[in-house]
Amino acid sequence: MSDQARTQELLLLGQIHGLVQSLKDGQDLQNRRMDDFEKKVDHRFDGMDSRLRTVEQKAAVMGAVSGGAMAVGTALIIEGIKQWLGRGGPTP
């Protein structure tokens, strides 16, 4: 193999090495960007999660209160109807 051919091979290998290194650097940069973005998103979700938890707790309390009120109201209505029918119902 001549010196000129060997020099060409080394130049091509150098170019290939440069391209691979460039791709690796770009991939590393992209990975860092994605990690930074993921940290920001996680922080936002943590804030939303705590606010949502508060809303869910308030909704559960309101649901329990309204369910209890409906049960008491229904019992009162039924009892009122029973008493009304026990007195003979509507008077003509």
PDB file of N, CA and C in Angstrom:
ATOM      1  N   MET A   1       0.847  -1.164   0.000  1.00  0.00           N
ATOM      2  CA  MET A   1       0.000   0.000   0.000  1.00  0.00           C
ATOM      3  C   MET A   1       0.896   1.231   0.000  1.00  0.00           C
ATOM      4  N   SER A   2       0.545   2.179  -0.833  1.00  0.00           N
ATOM      5  CA  SER A   2       1.386   3.371  -0.952  1.00  0.00           C
ATOM      6  C   SER A   2       1.097   4.341   0.184  1.00  0.00           C
ATOM      7  N   ASP A   3       2.012   5.234   0.364  1.00  0.00           N
ATOM      8  CA  ASP A   3       1.855   6.249   1.412  1.00  0.00           C
ATOM      9  C   ASP A   3       0.657   7.149   1.133  1.00  0.00           C
ATOM     10  N   GLN A   4       0.441   7.405  -0.141  1.00  0.00           N
ATOM     11  CA  GLN A   4      -0.682   8.270  -0.506  1.00  0.00           C
ATOM     12  C   GLN A   4      -2.021   7.588  -0.168  1.00  0.00           C
ATOM     13  N   ALA A   5      -2.148   6.296  -0.447  1.00  0.00           N
ATOM     14  CA  ALA A   5      -3.372   5.557  -0.130  1.00  0.00           C
ATOM     15  C   ALA A   5      -3.573   5.502   1.388  1.00  0.00           C
ATOM     16  N   ARG A   6      -2.487   5.273   2.116  1.00  0.00           N
ATOM     17  CA  ARG A   6      -2.571   5.229   3.588  1.00  0.00           C
ATOM     18  C   ARG A   6      -3.007   6.587   4.134  1.00  0.00           C
ATOM     19  N   THR A   7      -2.516   7.653   3.575  1.00  0.00           N
ATOM     20  CA  THR A   7      -2.888   9.005   3.991  1.00  0.00           C
ATOM     21  C   THR A   7      -4.373   9.251   3.735  1.00  0.00           C
ATOM     22  N   GLN A   8      -4.866   8.797   2.577  1.00  0.00           N
ATOM     23  CA  GLN A   8      -6.295   8.950   2.245  1.00  0.00           C
ATOM     24  C   GLN A   8      -7.159   8.195   3.258  1.00  0.00           C
ATOM     25  N   GLU A   9      -6.742   6.962   3.596  1.00  0.00           N
ATOM     26  CA  GLU A   9      -7.495   6.168   4.568  1.00  0.00           C
ATOM     27  C   GLU A   9      -7.539   6.872   5.926  1.00  0.00           C
ATOM     28  N   LEU A  10      -6.411   7.411   6.343  1.00  0.00           N
ATOM     29  CA  LEU A  10      -6.357   8.107   7.621  1.00  0.00           C
ATOM     30  C   LEU A  10      -7.230   9.359   7.613  1.00  0.00           C
ATOM     31  N   LEU A  11      -7.245  10.068   6.490  1.00  0.00           N
ATOM     32  CA  LEU A  11      -8.104  11.243   6.378  1.00  0.00           C
ATOM     33  C   LEU A  11      -9.584  10.855   6.462  1.00  0.00           C
ATOM     34  N   LEU A  12      -9.955   9.775   5.767  1.00  0.00           N
ATOM     35  CA  LEU A  12     -11.339   9.315   5.813  1.00  0.00           C
ATOM     36  C   LEU A  12     -11.715   8.861   7.228  1.00  0.00           C
ATOM     37  N   LEU A  13     -10.803   8.151   7.891  1.00  0.00           N
ATOM     38  CA  LEU A  13     -11.064   7.736   9.263  1.00  0.00           C
ATOM     39  C   LEU A  13     -11.218   8.949  10.180  1.00  0.00           C
ATOM     40  N   GLY A  14     -10.433   9.971   9.958  1.00  0.00           N
ATOM     41  CA  GLY A  14     -10.540  11.196  10.738  1.00  0.00           C
ATOM     42  C   GLY A  14     -11.890  11.870  10.531  1.00  0.00           C
ATOM     43  N   GLN A  15     -12.348  11.889   9.270  1.00  0.00           N
ATOM     44  CA  GLN A  15     -13.658  12.473   8.980  1.00  0.00           C
ATOM     45  C   GLN A  15     -14.777  11.678   9.648  1.00  0.00           C
ATOM     46  N   ILE A  16     -14.679  10.356   9.565  1.00  0.00           N
ATOM     47  CA  ILE A  16     -15.678   9.502  10.196  1.00  0.00           C
ATOM     48  C   ILE A  16     -15.678   9.718  11.706  1.00  0.00           C
ATOM     49  N   HIS A  17     -14.491   9.781  12.286  1.00  0.00           N
ATOM     50  CA  HIS A  17     -14.395  10.020  13.724  1.00  0.00           C
ATOM     51  C   HIS A  17     -15.027  11.371  14.089  1.00  0.00           C
ATOM     52  N   GLY A  18     -14.791  12.397  13.298  1.00  0.00           N
ATOM     53  CA  GLY A  18     -15.376  13.719  13.548  1.00  0.00           C
ATOM     54  C   GLY A  18     -16.892  13.691  13.466  1.00  0.00           C
ATOM     55  N   LEU A  19     -17.430  12.975  12.470  1.00  0.00           N
ATOM     56  CA  LEU A  19     -18.881  12.871  12.338  1.00  0.00           C
ATOM     57  C   LEU A  19     -19.493  12.127  13.534  1.00  0.00           C
ATOM     58  N   VAL A  20     -18.872  11.034  13.930  1.00  0.00           N
ATOM     59  CA  VAL A  20     -19.383  10.268  15.062  1.00  0.00           C
ATOM     60  C   VAL A  20     -19.327  11.109  16.340  1.00  0.00           C
ATOM     61  N   GLN A  21     -18.234  11.831  16.528  1.00  0.00           N
ATOM     62  CA  GLN A  21     -18.105  12.678  17.718  1.00  0.00           C
ATOM     63  C   GLN A  21     -19.153  13.785  17.706  1.00  0.00           C
ATOM     64  N   SER A  22     -19.396  14.356  16.543  1.00  0.00           N
ATOM     65  CA  SER A  22     -20.415  15.395  16.412  1.00  0.00           C
ATOM     66  C   SER A  22     -21.800  14.841  16.746  1.00  0.00           C
ATOM     67  N   LEU A  23     -22.120  13.653  16.252  1.00  0.00           N
ATOM     68  CA  LEU A  23     -23.397  13.027  16.563  1.00  0.00           C
ATOM     69  C   LEU A  23     -23.527  12.755  18.059  1.00  0.00           C
ATOM     70  N   LYS A  24     -22.471  12.286  18.666  1.00  0.00           N
ATOM     71  CA  LYS A  24     -22.473  12.003  20.101  1.00  0.00           C
ATOM     72  C   LYS A  24     -22.684  13.289  20.896  1.00  0.00           C
ATOM     73  N   ASP A  25     -21.982  14.358  20.512  1.00  0.00           N
ATOM     74  CA  ASP A  25     -22.143  15.640  21.209  1.00  0.00           C
ATOM     75  C   ASP A  25     -23.583  16.152  21.084  1.00  0.00           C
ATOM     76  N   GLY A  26     -24.156  16.028  19.894  1.00  0.00           N
ATOM     77  CA  GLY A  26     -25.536  16.454  19.686  1.00  0.00           C
ATOM     78  C   GLY A  26     -26.511  15.637  20.512  1.00  0.00           C
ATOM     79  N   GLN A  27     -26.262  14.347  20.592  1.00  0.00           N
ATOM     80  CA  GLN A  27     -27.128  13.485  21.383  1.00  0.00           C
ATOM     81  C   GLN A  27     -27.004  13.809  22.875  1.00  0.00           C
ATOM     82  N   ASP A  28     -25.797  14.082  23.337  1.00  0.00           N
ATOM     83  CA  ASP A  28     -25.599  14.467  24.738  1.00  0.00           C
ATOM     84  C   ASP A  28     -26.335  15.766  25.055  1.00  0.00           C
ATOM     85  N   LEU A  29     -26.248  16.735  24.135  1.00  0.00           N
ATOM     86  CA  LEU A  29     -26.939  18.008  24.327  1.00  0.00           C
ATOM     87  C   LEU A  29     -28.456  17.788  24.376  1.00  0.00           C
ATOM     88  N   GLN A  30     -28.959  16.959  23.480  1.00  0.00           N
ATOM     89  CA  GLN A  30     -30.398  16.674  23.466  1.00  0.00           C
ATOM     90  C   GLN A  30     -30.833  15.987  24.755  1.00  0.00           C
ATOM     91  N   ASN A  31     -30.010  15.069  25.249  1.00  0.00           N
ATOM     92  CA  ASN A  31     -30.334  14.390  26.505  1.00  0.00           C
ATOM     93  C   ASN A  31     -30.382  15.371  27.675  1.00  0.00           C
ATOM     94  N   ARG A  32     -29.453  16.329  27.697  1.00  0.00           N
ATOM     95  CA  ARG A  32     -29.458  17.330  28.771  1.00  0.00           C
ATOM     96  C   ARG A  32     -30.712  18.197  28.676  1.00  0.00           C
ATOM     97  N   ARG A  33     -31.079  18.580  27.465  1.00  0.00           N
ATOM     98  CA  ARG A  33     -32.294  19.387  27.284  1.00  0.00           C
ATOM     99  C   ARG A  33     -33.532  18.628  27.750  1.00  0.00           C
ATOM    100  N   MET A  34     -33.604  17.357  27.402  1.00  0.00           N
ATOM    101  CA  MET A  34     -34.750  16.548  27.803  1.00  0.00           C
ATOM    102  C   MET A  34     -34.792  16.381  29.328  1.00  0.00           C
ATOM    103  N   ASP A  35     -33.640  16.214  29.951  1.00  0.00           N
ATOM    104  CA  ASP A  35     -33.592  16.101  31.410  1.00  0.00           C
ATOM    105  C   ASP A  35     -34.068  17.390  32.069  1.00  0.00           C
ATOM    106  N   ASP A  36     -33.621  18.535  31.537  1.00  0.00           N
ATOM    107  CA  ASP A  36     -34.053  19.831  32.084  1.00  0.00           C
ATOM    108  C   ASP A  36     -35.568  20.008  31.926  1.00  0.00           C
ATOM    109  N   PHE A  37     -36.066  19.651  30.751  1.00  0.00           N
ATOM    110  CA  PHE A  37     -37.503  19.763  30.486  1.00  0.00           C
ATOM    111  C   PHE A  37     -38.288  18.856  31.425  1.00  0.00           C
ATOM    112  N   GLU A  38     -37.815  17.635  31.624  1.00  0.00           N
ATOM    113  CA  GLU A  38     -38.499  16.687  32.507  1.00  0.00           C
ATOM    114  C   GLU A  38     -38.548  17.214  33.940  1.00  0.00           C
ATOM    115  N   LYS A  39     -37.468  17.847  34.394  1.00  0.00           N
ATOM    116  CA  LYS A  39     -37.455  18.414  35.739  1.00  0.00           C
ATOM    117  C   LYS A  39     -38.503  19.518  35.865  1.00  0.00           C
ATOM    118  N   LYS A  40     -38.606  20.378  34.841  1.00  0.00           N
ATOM    119  CA  LYS A  40     -39.587  21.453  34.873  1.00  0.00           C
ATOM    120  C   LYS A  40     -41.010  20.896  34.895  1.00  0.00           C
ATOM    121  N   VAL A  41     -41.256  19.891  34.065  1.00  0.00           N
ATOM    122  CA  VAL A  41     -42.595  19.299  33.995  1.00  0.00           C
ATOM    123  C   VAL A  41     -42.935  18.614  35.311  1.00  0.00           C
ATOM    124  N   ASP A  42     -41.985  17.891  35.882  1.00  0.00           N
ATOM    125  CA  ASP A  42     -42.229  17.231  37.168  1.00  0.00           C
ATOM    126  C   ASP A  42     -42.575  18.250  38.248  1.00  0.00           C
ATOM    127  N   HIS A  43     -41.877  19.382  38.251  1.00  0.00           N
ATOM    128  CA  HIS A  43     -42.145  20.430  39.244  1.00  0.00           C
ATOM    129  C   HIS A  43     -43.554  20.976  39.073  1.00  0.00           C
ATOM    130  N   ARG A  44     -43.960  21.187  37.824  1.00  0.00           N
ATOM    131  CA  ARG A  44     -45.314  21.704  37.572  1.00  0.00           C
ATOM    132  C   ARG A  44     -46.370  20.691  37.980  1.00  0.00           C
ATOM    133  N   PHE A  45     -46.131  19.411  37.674  1.00  0.00           N
ATOM    134  CA  PHE A  45     -47.098  18.375  38.039  1.00  0.00           C
ATOM    135  C   PHE A  45     -47.215  18.239  39.545  1.00  0.00           C
ATOM    136  N   ASP A  46     -46.110  18.417  40.267  1.00  0.00           N
ATOM    137  CA  ASP A  46     -46.179  18.346  41.723  1.00  0.00           C
ATOM    138  C   ASP A  46     -47.086  19.444  42.265  1.00  0.00           C
ATOM    139  N   GLY A  47     -46.972  20.641  41.709  1.00  0.00           N
ATOM    140  CA  GLY A  47     -47.834  21.749  42.129  1.00  0.00           C
ATOM    141  C   GLY A  47     -49.292  21.488  41.796  1.00  0.00           C
ATOM    142  N   MET A  48     -49.538  20.990  40.585  1.00  0.00           N
ATOM    143  CA  MET A  48     -50.911  20.693  40.189  1.00  0.00           C
ATOM    144  C   MET A  48     -51.479  19.561  41.027  1.00  0.00           C
ATOM    145  N   ASP A  49     -50.652  18.586  41.354  1.00  0.00           N
ATOM    146  CA  ASP A  49     -51.112  17.450  42.142  1.00  0.00           C
ATOM    147  C   ASP A  49     -51.571  17.895  43.528  1.00  0.00           C
ATOM    148  N   SER A  50     -50.816  18.781  44.149  1.00  0.00           N
ATOM    149  CA  SER A  50     -51.214  19.244  45.485  1.00  0.00           C
ATOM    150  C   SER A  50     -52.500  20.064  45.412  1.00  0.00           C
ATOM    151  N   ARG A  51     -52.650  20.898  44.382  1.00  0.00           N
ATOM    152  CA  ARG A  51     -53.885  21.670  44.242  1.00  0.00           C
ATOM    153  C   ARG A  51     -55.067  20.742  43.958  1.00  0.00           C
ATOM    154  N   LEU A  52     -54.856  19.756  43.117  1.00  0.00           N
ATOM    155  CA  LEU A  52     -55.924  18.814  42.794  1.00  0.00           C
ATOM    156  C   LEU A  52     -56.323  18.008  44.023  1.00  0.00           C
ATOM    157  N   ARG A  53     -55.366  17.639  44.847  1.00  0.00           N
ATOM    158  CA  ARG A  53     -55.666  16.895  46.071  1.00  0.00           C
ATOM    159  C   ARG A  53     -56.582  17.721  46.971  1.00  0.00           C
ATOM    160  N   THR A  54     -56.307  19.017  47.079  1.00  0.00           N
ATOM    161  CA  THR A  54     -57.142  19.901  47.896  1.00  0.00           C
ATOM    162  C   THR A  54     -58.562  19.960  47.340  1.00  0.00           C
ATOM    163  N   VAL A  55     -58.685  20.081  46.040  1.00  0.00           N
ATOM    164  CA  VAL A  55     -60.006  20.133  45.404  1.00  0.00           C
ATOM    165  C   VAL A  55     -60.750  18.821  45.624  1.00  0.00           C
ATOM    166  N   GLU A  56     -60.033  17.704  45.491  1.00  0.00           N
ATOM    167  CA  GLU A  56     -60.673  16.405  45.706  1.00  0.00           C
ATOM    168  C   GLU A  56     -61.168  16.257  47.139  1.00  0.00           C
ATOM    169  N   GLN A  57     -60.400  16.730  48.097  1.00  0.00           N
ATOM    170  CA  GLN A  57     -60.821  16.638  49.497  1.00  0.00           C
ATOM    171  C   GLN A  57     -62.065  17.482  49.740  1.00  0.00           C
ATOM    172  N   LYS A  58     -62.091  18.684  49.187  1.00  0.00           N
ATOM    173  CA  LYS A  58     -63.269  19.535  49.350  1.00  0.00           C
ATOM    174  C   LYS A  58     -64.488  18.908  48.684  1.00  0.00           C
ATOM    175  N   ALA A  59     -64.297  18.311  47.518  1.00  0.00           N
ATOM    176  CA  ALA A  59     -65.411  17.669  46.813  1.00  0.00           C
ATOM    177  C   ALA A  59     -65.931  16.474  47.606  1.00  0.00           C
ATOM    178  N   ALA A  60     -65.038  15.720  48.238  1.00  0.00           N
ATOM    179  CA  ALA A  60     -65.471  14.575  49.038  1.00  0.00           C
ATOM    180  C   ALA A  60     -66.294  15.038  50.240  1.00  0.00           C
ATOM    181  N   VAL A  61     -65.858  16.107  50.888  1.00  0.00           N
ATOM    182  CA  VAL A  61     -66.603  16.635  52.035  1.00  0.00           C
ATOM    183  C   VAL A  61     -67.967  17.134  51.588  1.00  0.00           C
ATOM    184  N   MET A  62     -67.996  17.886  50.502  1.00  0.00           N
ATOM    185  CA  MET A  62     -69.270  18.413  50.008  1.00  0.00           C
ATOM    186  C   MET A  62     -70.192  17.276  49.575  1.00  0.00           C
ATOM    187  N   GLY A  63     -69.652  16.237  48.981  1.00  0.00           N
ATOM    188  CA  GLY A  63     -70.457  15.087  48.585  1.00  0.00           C
ATOM    189  C   GLY A  63     -71.048  14.376  49.790  1.00  0.00           C
ATOM    190  N   ALA A  64     -70.239  14.223  50.824  1.00  0.00           N
ATOM    191  CA  ALA A  64     -70.728  13.564  52.043  1.00  0.00           C
ATOM    192  C   ALA A  64     -71.821  14.404  52.700  1.00  0.00           C
ATOM    193  N   VAL A  65     -71.609  15.714  52.781  1.00  0.00           N
ATOM    194  CA  VAL A  65     -72.602  16.601  53.398  1.00  0.00           C
ATOM    195  C   VAL A  65     -73.902  16.595  52.599  1.00  0.00           C
ATOM    196  N   SER A  66     -73.801  16.734  51.291  1.00  0.00           N
ATOM    197  CA  SER A  66     -75.020  16.765  50.472  1.00  0.00           C
ATOM    198  C   SER A  66     -75.721  15.410  50.479  1.00  0.00           C
ATOM    199  N   GLY A  67     -74.959  14.318  50.505  1.00  0.00           N
ATOM    200  CA  GLY A  67     -75.571  12.989  50.587  1.00  0.00           C
ATOM    201  C   GLY A  67     -76.303  12.803  51.904  1.00  0.00           C
ATOM    202  N   GLY A  68     -75.705  13.266  52.992  1.00  0.00           N
ATOM    203  CA  GLY A  68     -76.367  13.193  54.292  1.00  0.00           C
ATOM    204  C   GLY A  68     -77.632  14.026  54.321  1.00  0.00           C
ATOM    205  N   ALA A  69     -77.561  15.226  53.765  1.00  0.00           N
ATOM    206  CA  ALA A  69     -78.732  16.107  53.731  1.00  0.00           C
ATOM    207  C   ALA A  69     -79.856  15.486  52.904  1.00  0.00           C
ATOM    208  N   MET A  70     -79.511  14.861  51.798  1.00  0.00           N
ATOM    209  CA  MET A  70     -80.520  14.207  50.962  1.00  0.00           C
ATOM    210  C   MET A  70     -81.160  13.034  51.704  1.00  0.00           C
ATOM    211  N   ALA A  71     -80.349  12.284  52.441  1.00  0.00           N
ATOM    212  CA  ALA A  71     -80.895  11.144  53.197  1.00  0.00           C
ATOM    213  C   ALA A  71     -81.871  11.632  54.271  1.00  0.00           C
ATOM    214  N   VAL A  72     -81.495  12.683  55.009  1.00  0.00           N
ATOM    215  CA  VAL A  72     -82.374  13.238  56.040  1.00  0.00           C
ATOM    216  C   VAL A  72     -83.635  13.807  55.407  1.00  0.00           C
ATOM    217  N   GLY A  73     -83.480  14.528  54.313  1.00  0.00           N
ATOM    218  CA  GLY A  73     -84.643  15.104  53.627  1.00  0.00           C
ATOM    219  C   GLY A  73     -85.594  14.032  53.134  1.00  0.00           C
ATOM    220  N   THR A  74     -85.052  12.973  52.558  1.00  0.00           N
ATOM    221  CA  THR A  74     -85.889  11.881  52.068  1.00  0.00           C
ATOM    222  C   THR A  74     -86.626  11.207  53.224  1.00  0.00           C
ATOM    223  N   ALA A  75     -85.922  10.979  54.329  1.00  0.00           N
ATOM    224  CA  ALA A  75     -86.564  10.362  55.498  1.00  0.00           C
ATOM    225  C   ALA A  75     -87.683  11.245  56.026  1.00  0.00           C
ATOM    226  N   LEU A  76     -87.476  12.557  56.078  1.00  0.00           N
ATOM    227  CA  LEU A  76     -88.518  13.476  56.548  1.00  0.00           C
ATOM    228  C   LEU A  76     -89.727  13.467  55.621  1.00  0.00           C
ATOM    229  N   ILE A  77     -89.494  13.443  54.338  1.00  0.00           N
ATOM    230  CA  ILE A  77     -90.601  13.421  53.368  1.00  0.00           C
ATOM    231  C   ILE A  77     -91.404  12.135  53.515  1.00  0.00           C
ATOM    232  N   ILE A  78     -90.707  11.001  53.617  1.00  0.00           N
ATOM    233  CA  ILE A  78     -91.408   9.720  53.776  1.00  0.00           C
ATOM    234  C   ILE A  78     -92.224   9.707  55.067  1.00  0.00           C
ATOM    235  N   GLU A  79     -91.626  10.187  56.127  1.00  0.00           N
ATOM    236  CA  GLU A  79     -92.336  10.229  57.413  1.00  0.00           C
ATOM    237  C   GLU A  79     -93.548  11.160  57.336  1.00  0.00           C
ATOM    238  N   GLY A  80     -93.401  12.275  56.663  1.00  0.00           N
ATOM    239  CA  GLY A  80     -94.521  13.192  56.484  1.00  0.00           C
ATOM    240  C   GLY A  80     -95.637  12.556  55.682  1.00  0.00           C
ATOM    241  N   ILE A  81     -95.301  11.819  54.643  1.00  0.00           N
ATOM    242  CA  ILE A  81     -96.318  11.140  53.825  1.00  0.00           C
ATOM    243  C   ILE A  81     -97.024  10.073  54.658  1.00  0.00           C
ATOM    244  N   LYS A  82     -96.260   9.335  55.463  1.00  0.00           N
ATOM    245  CA  LYS A  82     -96.868   8.309  56.311  1.00  0.00           C
ATOM    246  C   LYS A  82     -97.878   8.934  57.280  1.00  0.00           C
ATOM    247  N   GLN A  83     -97.505  10.033  57.902  1.00  0.00           N
ATOM    248  CA  GLN A  83     -98.404  10.696  58.850  1.00  0.00           C
ATOM    249  C   GLN A  83     -99.627  11.245  58.139  1.00  0.00           C
ATOM    250  N   TRP A  84     -99.421  11.786  56.993  1.00  0.00           N
ATOM    251  CA  TRP A  84    -100.530  12.356  56.213  1.00  0.00           C
ATOM    252  C   TRP A  84    -101.518  11.268  55.823  1.00  0.00           C
ATOM    253  N   LEU A  85    -100.969  10.106  55.351  1.00  0.00           N
ATOM    254  CA  LEU A  85    -101.852   8.991  54.977  1.00  0.00           C
ATOM    255  C   LEU A  85    -102.490   8.382  56.220  1.00  0.00           C
ATOM    256  N   GLY A  86    -101.779   8.406  57.377  1.00  0.00           N
ATOM    257  CA  GLY A  86    -102.343   7.864  58.618  1.00  0.00           C
ATOM    258  C   GLY A  86    -103.518   8.693  59.116  1.00  0.00           C
ATOM    259  N   ARG A  87    -103.595   9.963  58.738  1.00  0.00           N
ATOM    260  CA  ARG A  87    -104.705  10.815  59.144  1.00  0.00           C
ATOM    261  C   ARG A  87    -105.857  10.756  58.159  1.00  0.00           C
ATOM    262  N   GLY A  88    -105.714   9.939  57.152  1.00  0.00           N
ATOM    263  CA  GLY A  88    -106.817   9.772  56.220  1.00  0.00           C
ATOM    264  C   GLY A  88    -106.572  10.376  54.845  1.00  0.00           C
ATOM    265  N   GLY A  89    -105.396  10.887  54.621  1.00  0.00           N
ATOM    266  CA  GLY A  89    -105.073  11.438  53.320  1.00  0.00           C
ATOM    267  C   GLY A  89    -105.740  12.758  53.100  1.00  0.00           C
ATOM    268  N   PRO A  90    -105.955  13.114  51.819  1.00  0.00           N
ATOM    269  CA  PRO A  90    -106.558  14.425  51.533  1.00  0.00           C
ATOM    270  C   PRO A  90    -108.032  14.427  51.937  1.00  0.00           C
ATOM    271  N   THR A  91    -108.464  15.522  52.445  1.00  0.00           N
ATOM    272  CA  THR A  91    -109.881  15.651  52.823  1.00  0.00           C
ATOM    273  C   THR A  91    -110.644  16.244  51.639  1.00  0.00           C
ATOM    274  N   PRO A  92    -111.723  15.566  51.232  1.00  0.00           N
ATOM    275  CA  PRO A  92    -112.477  16.073  50.067  1.00  0.00           C
ATOM    276  C   PRO A  92    -113.331  17.271  50.344  1.00  0.00           C
TER     277      PRO A  92
END
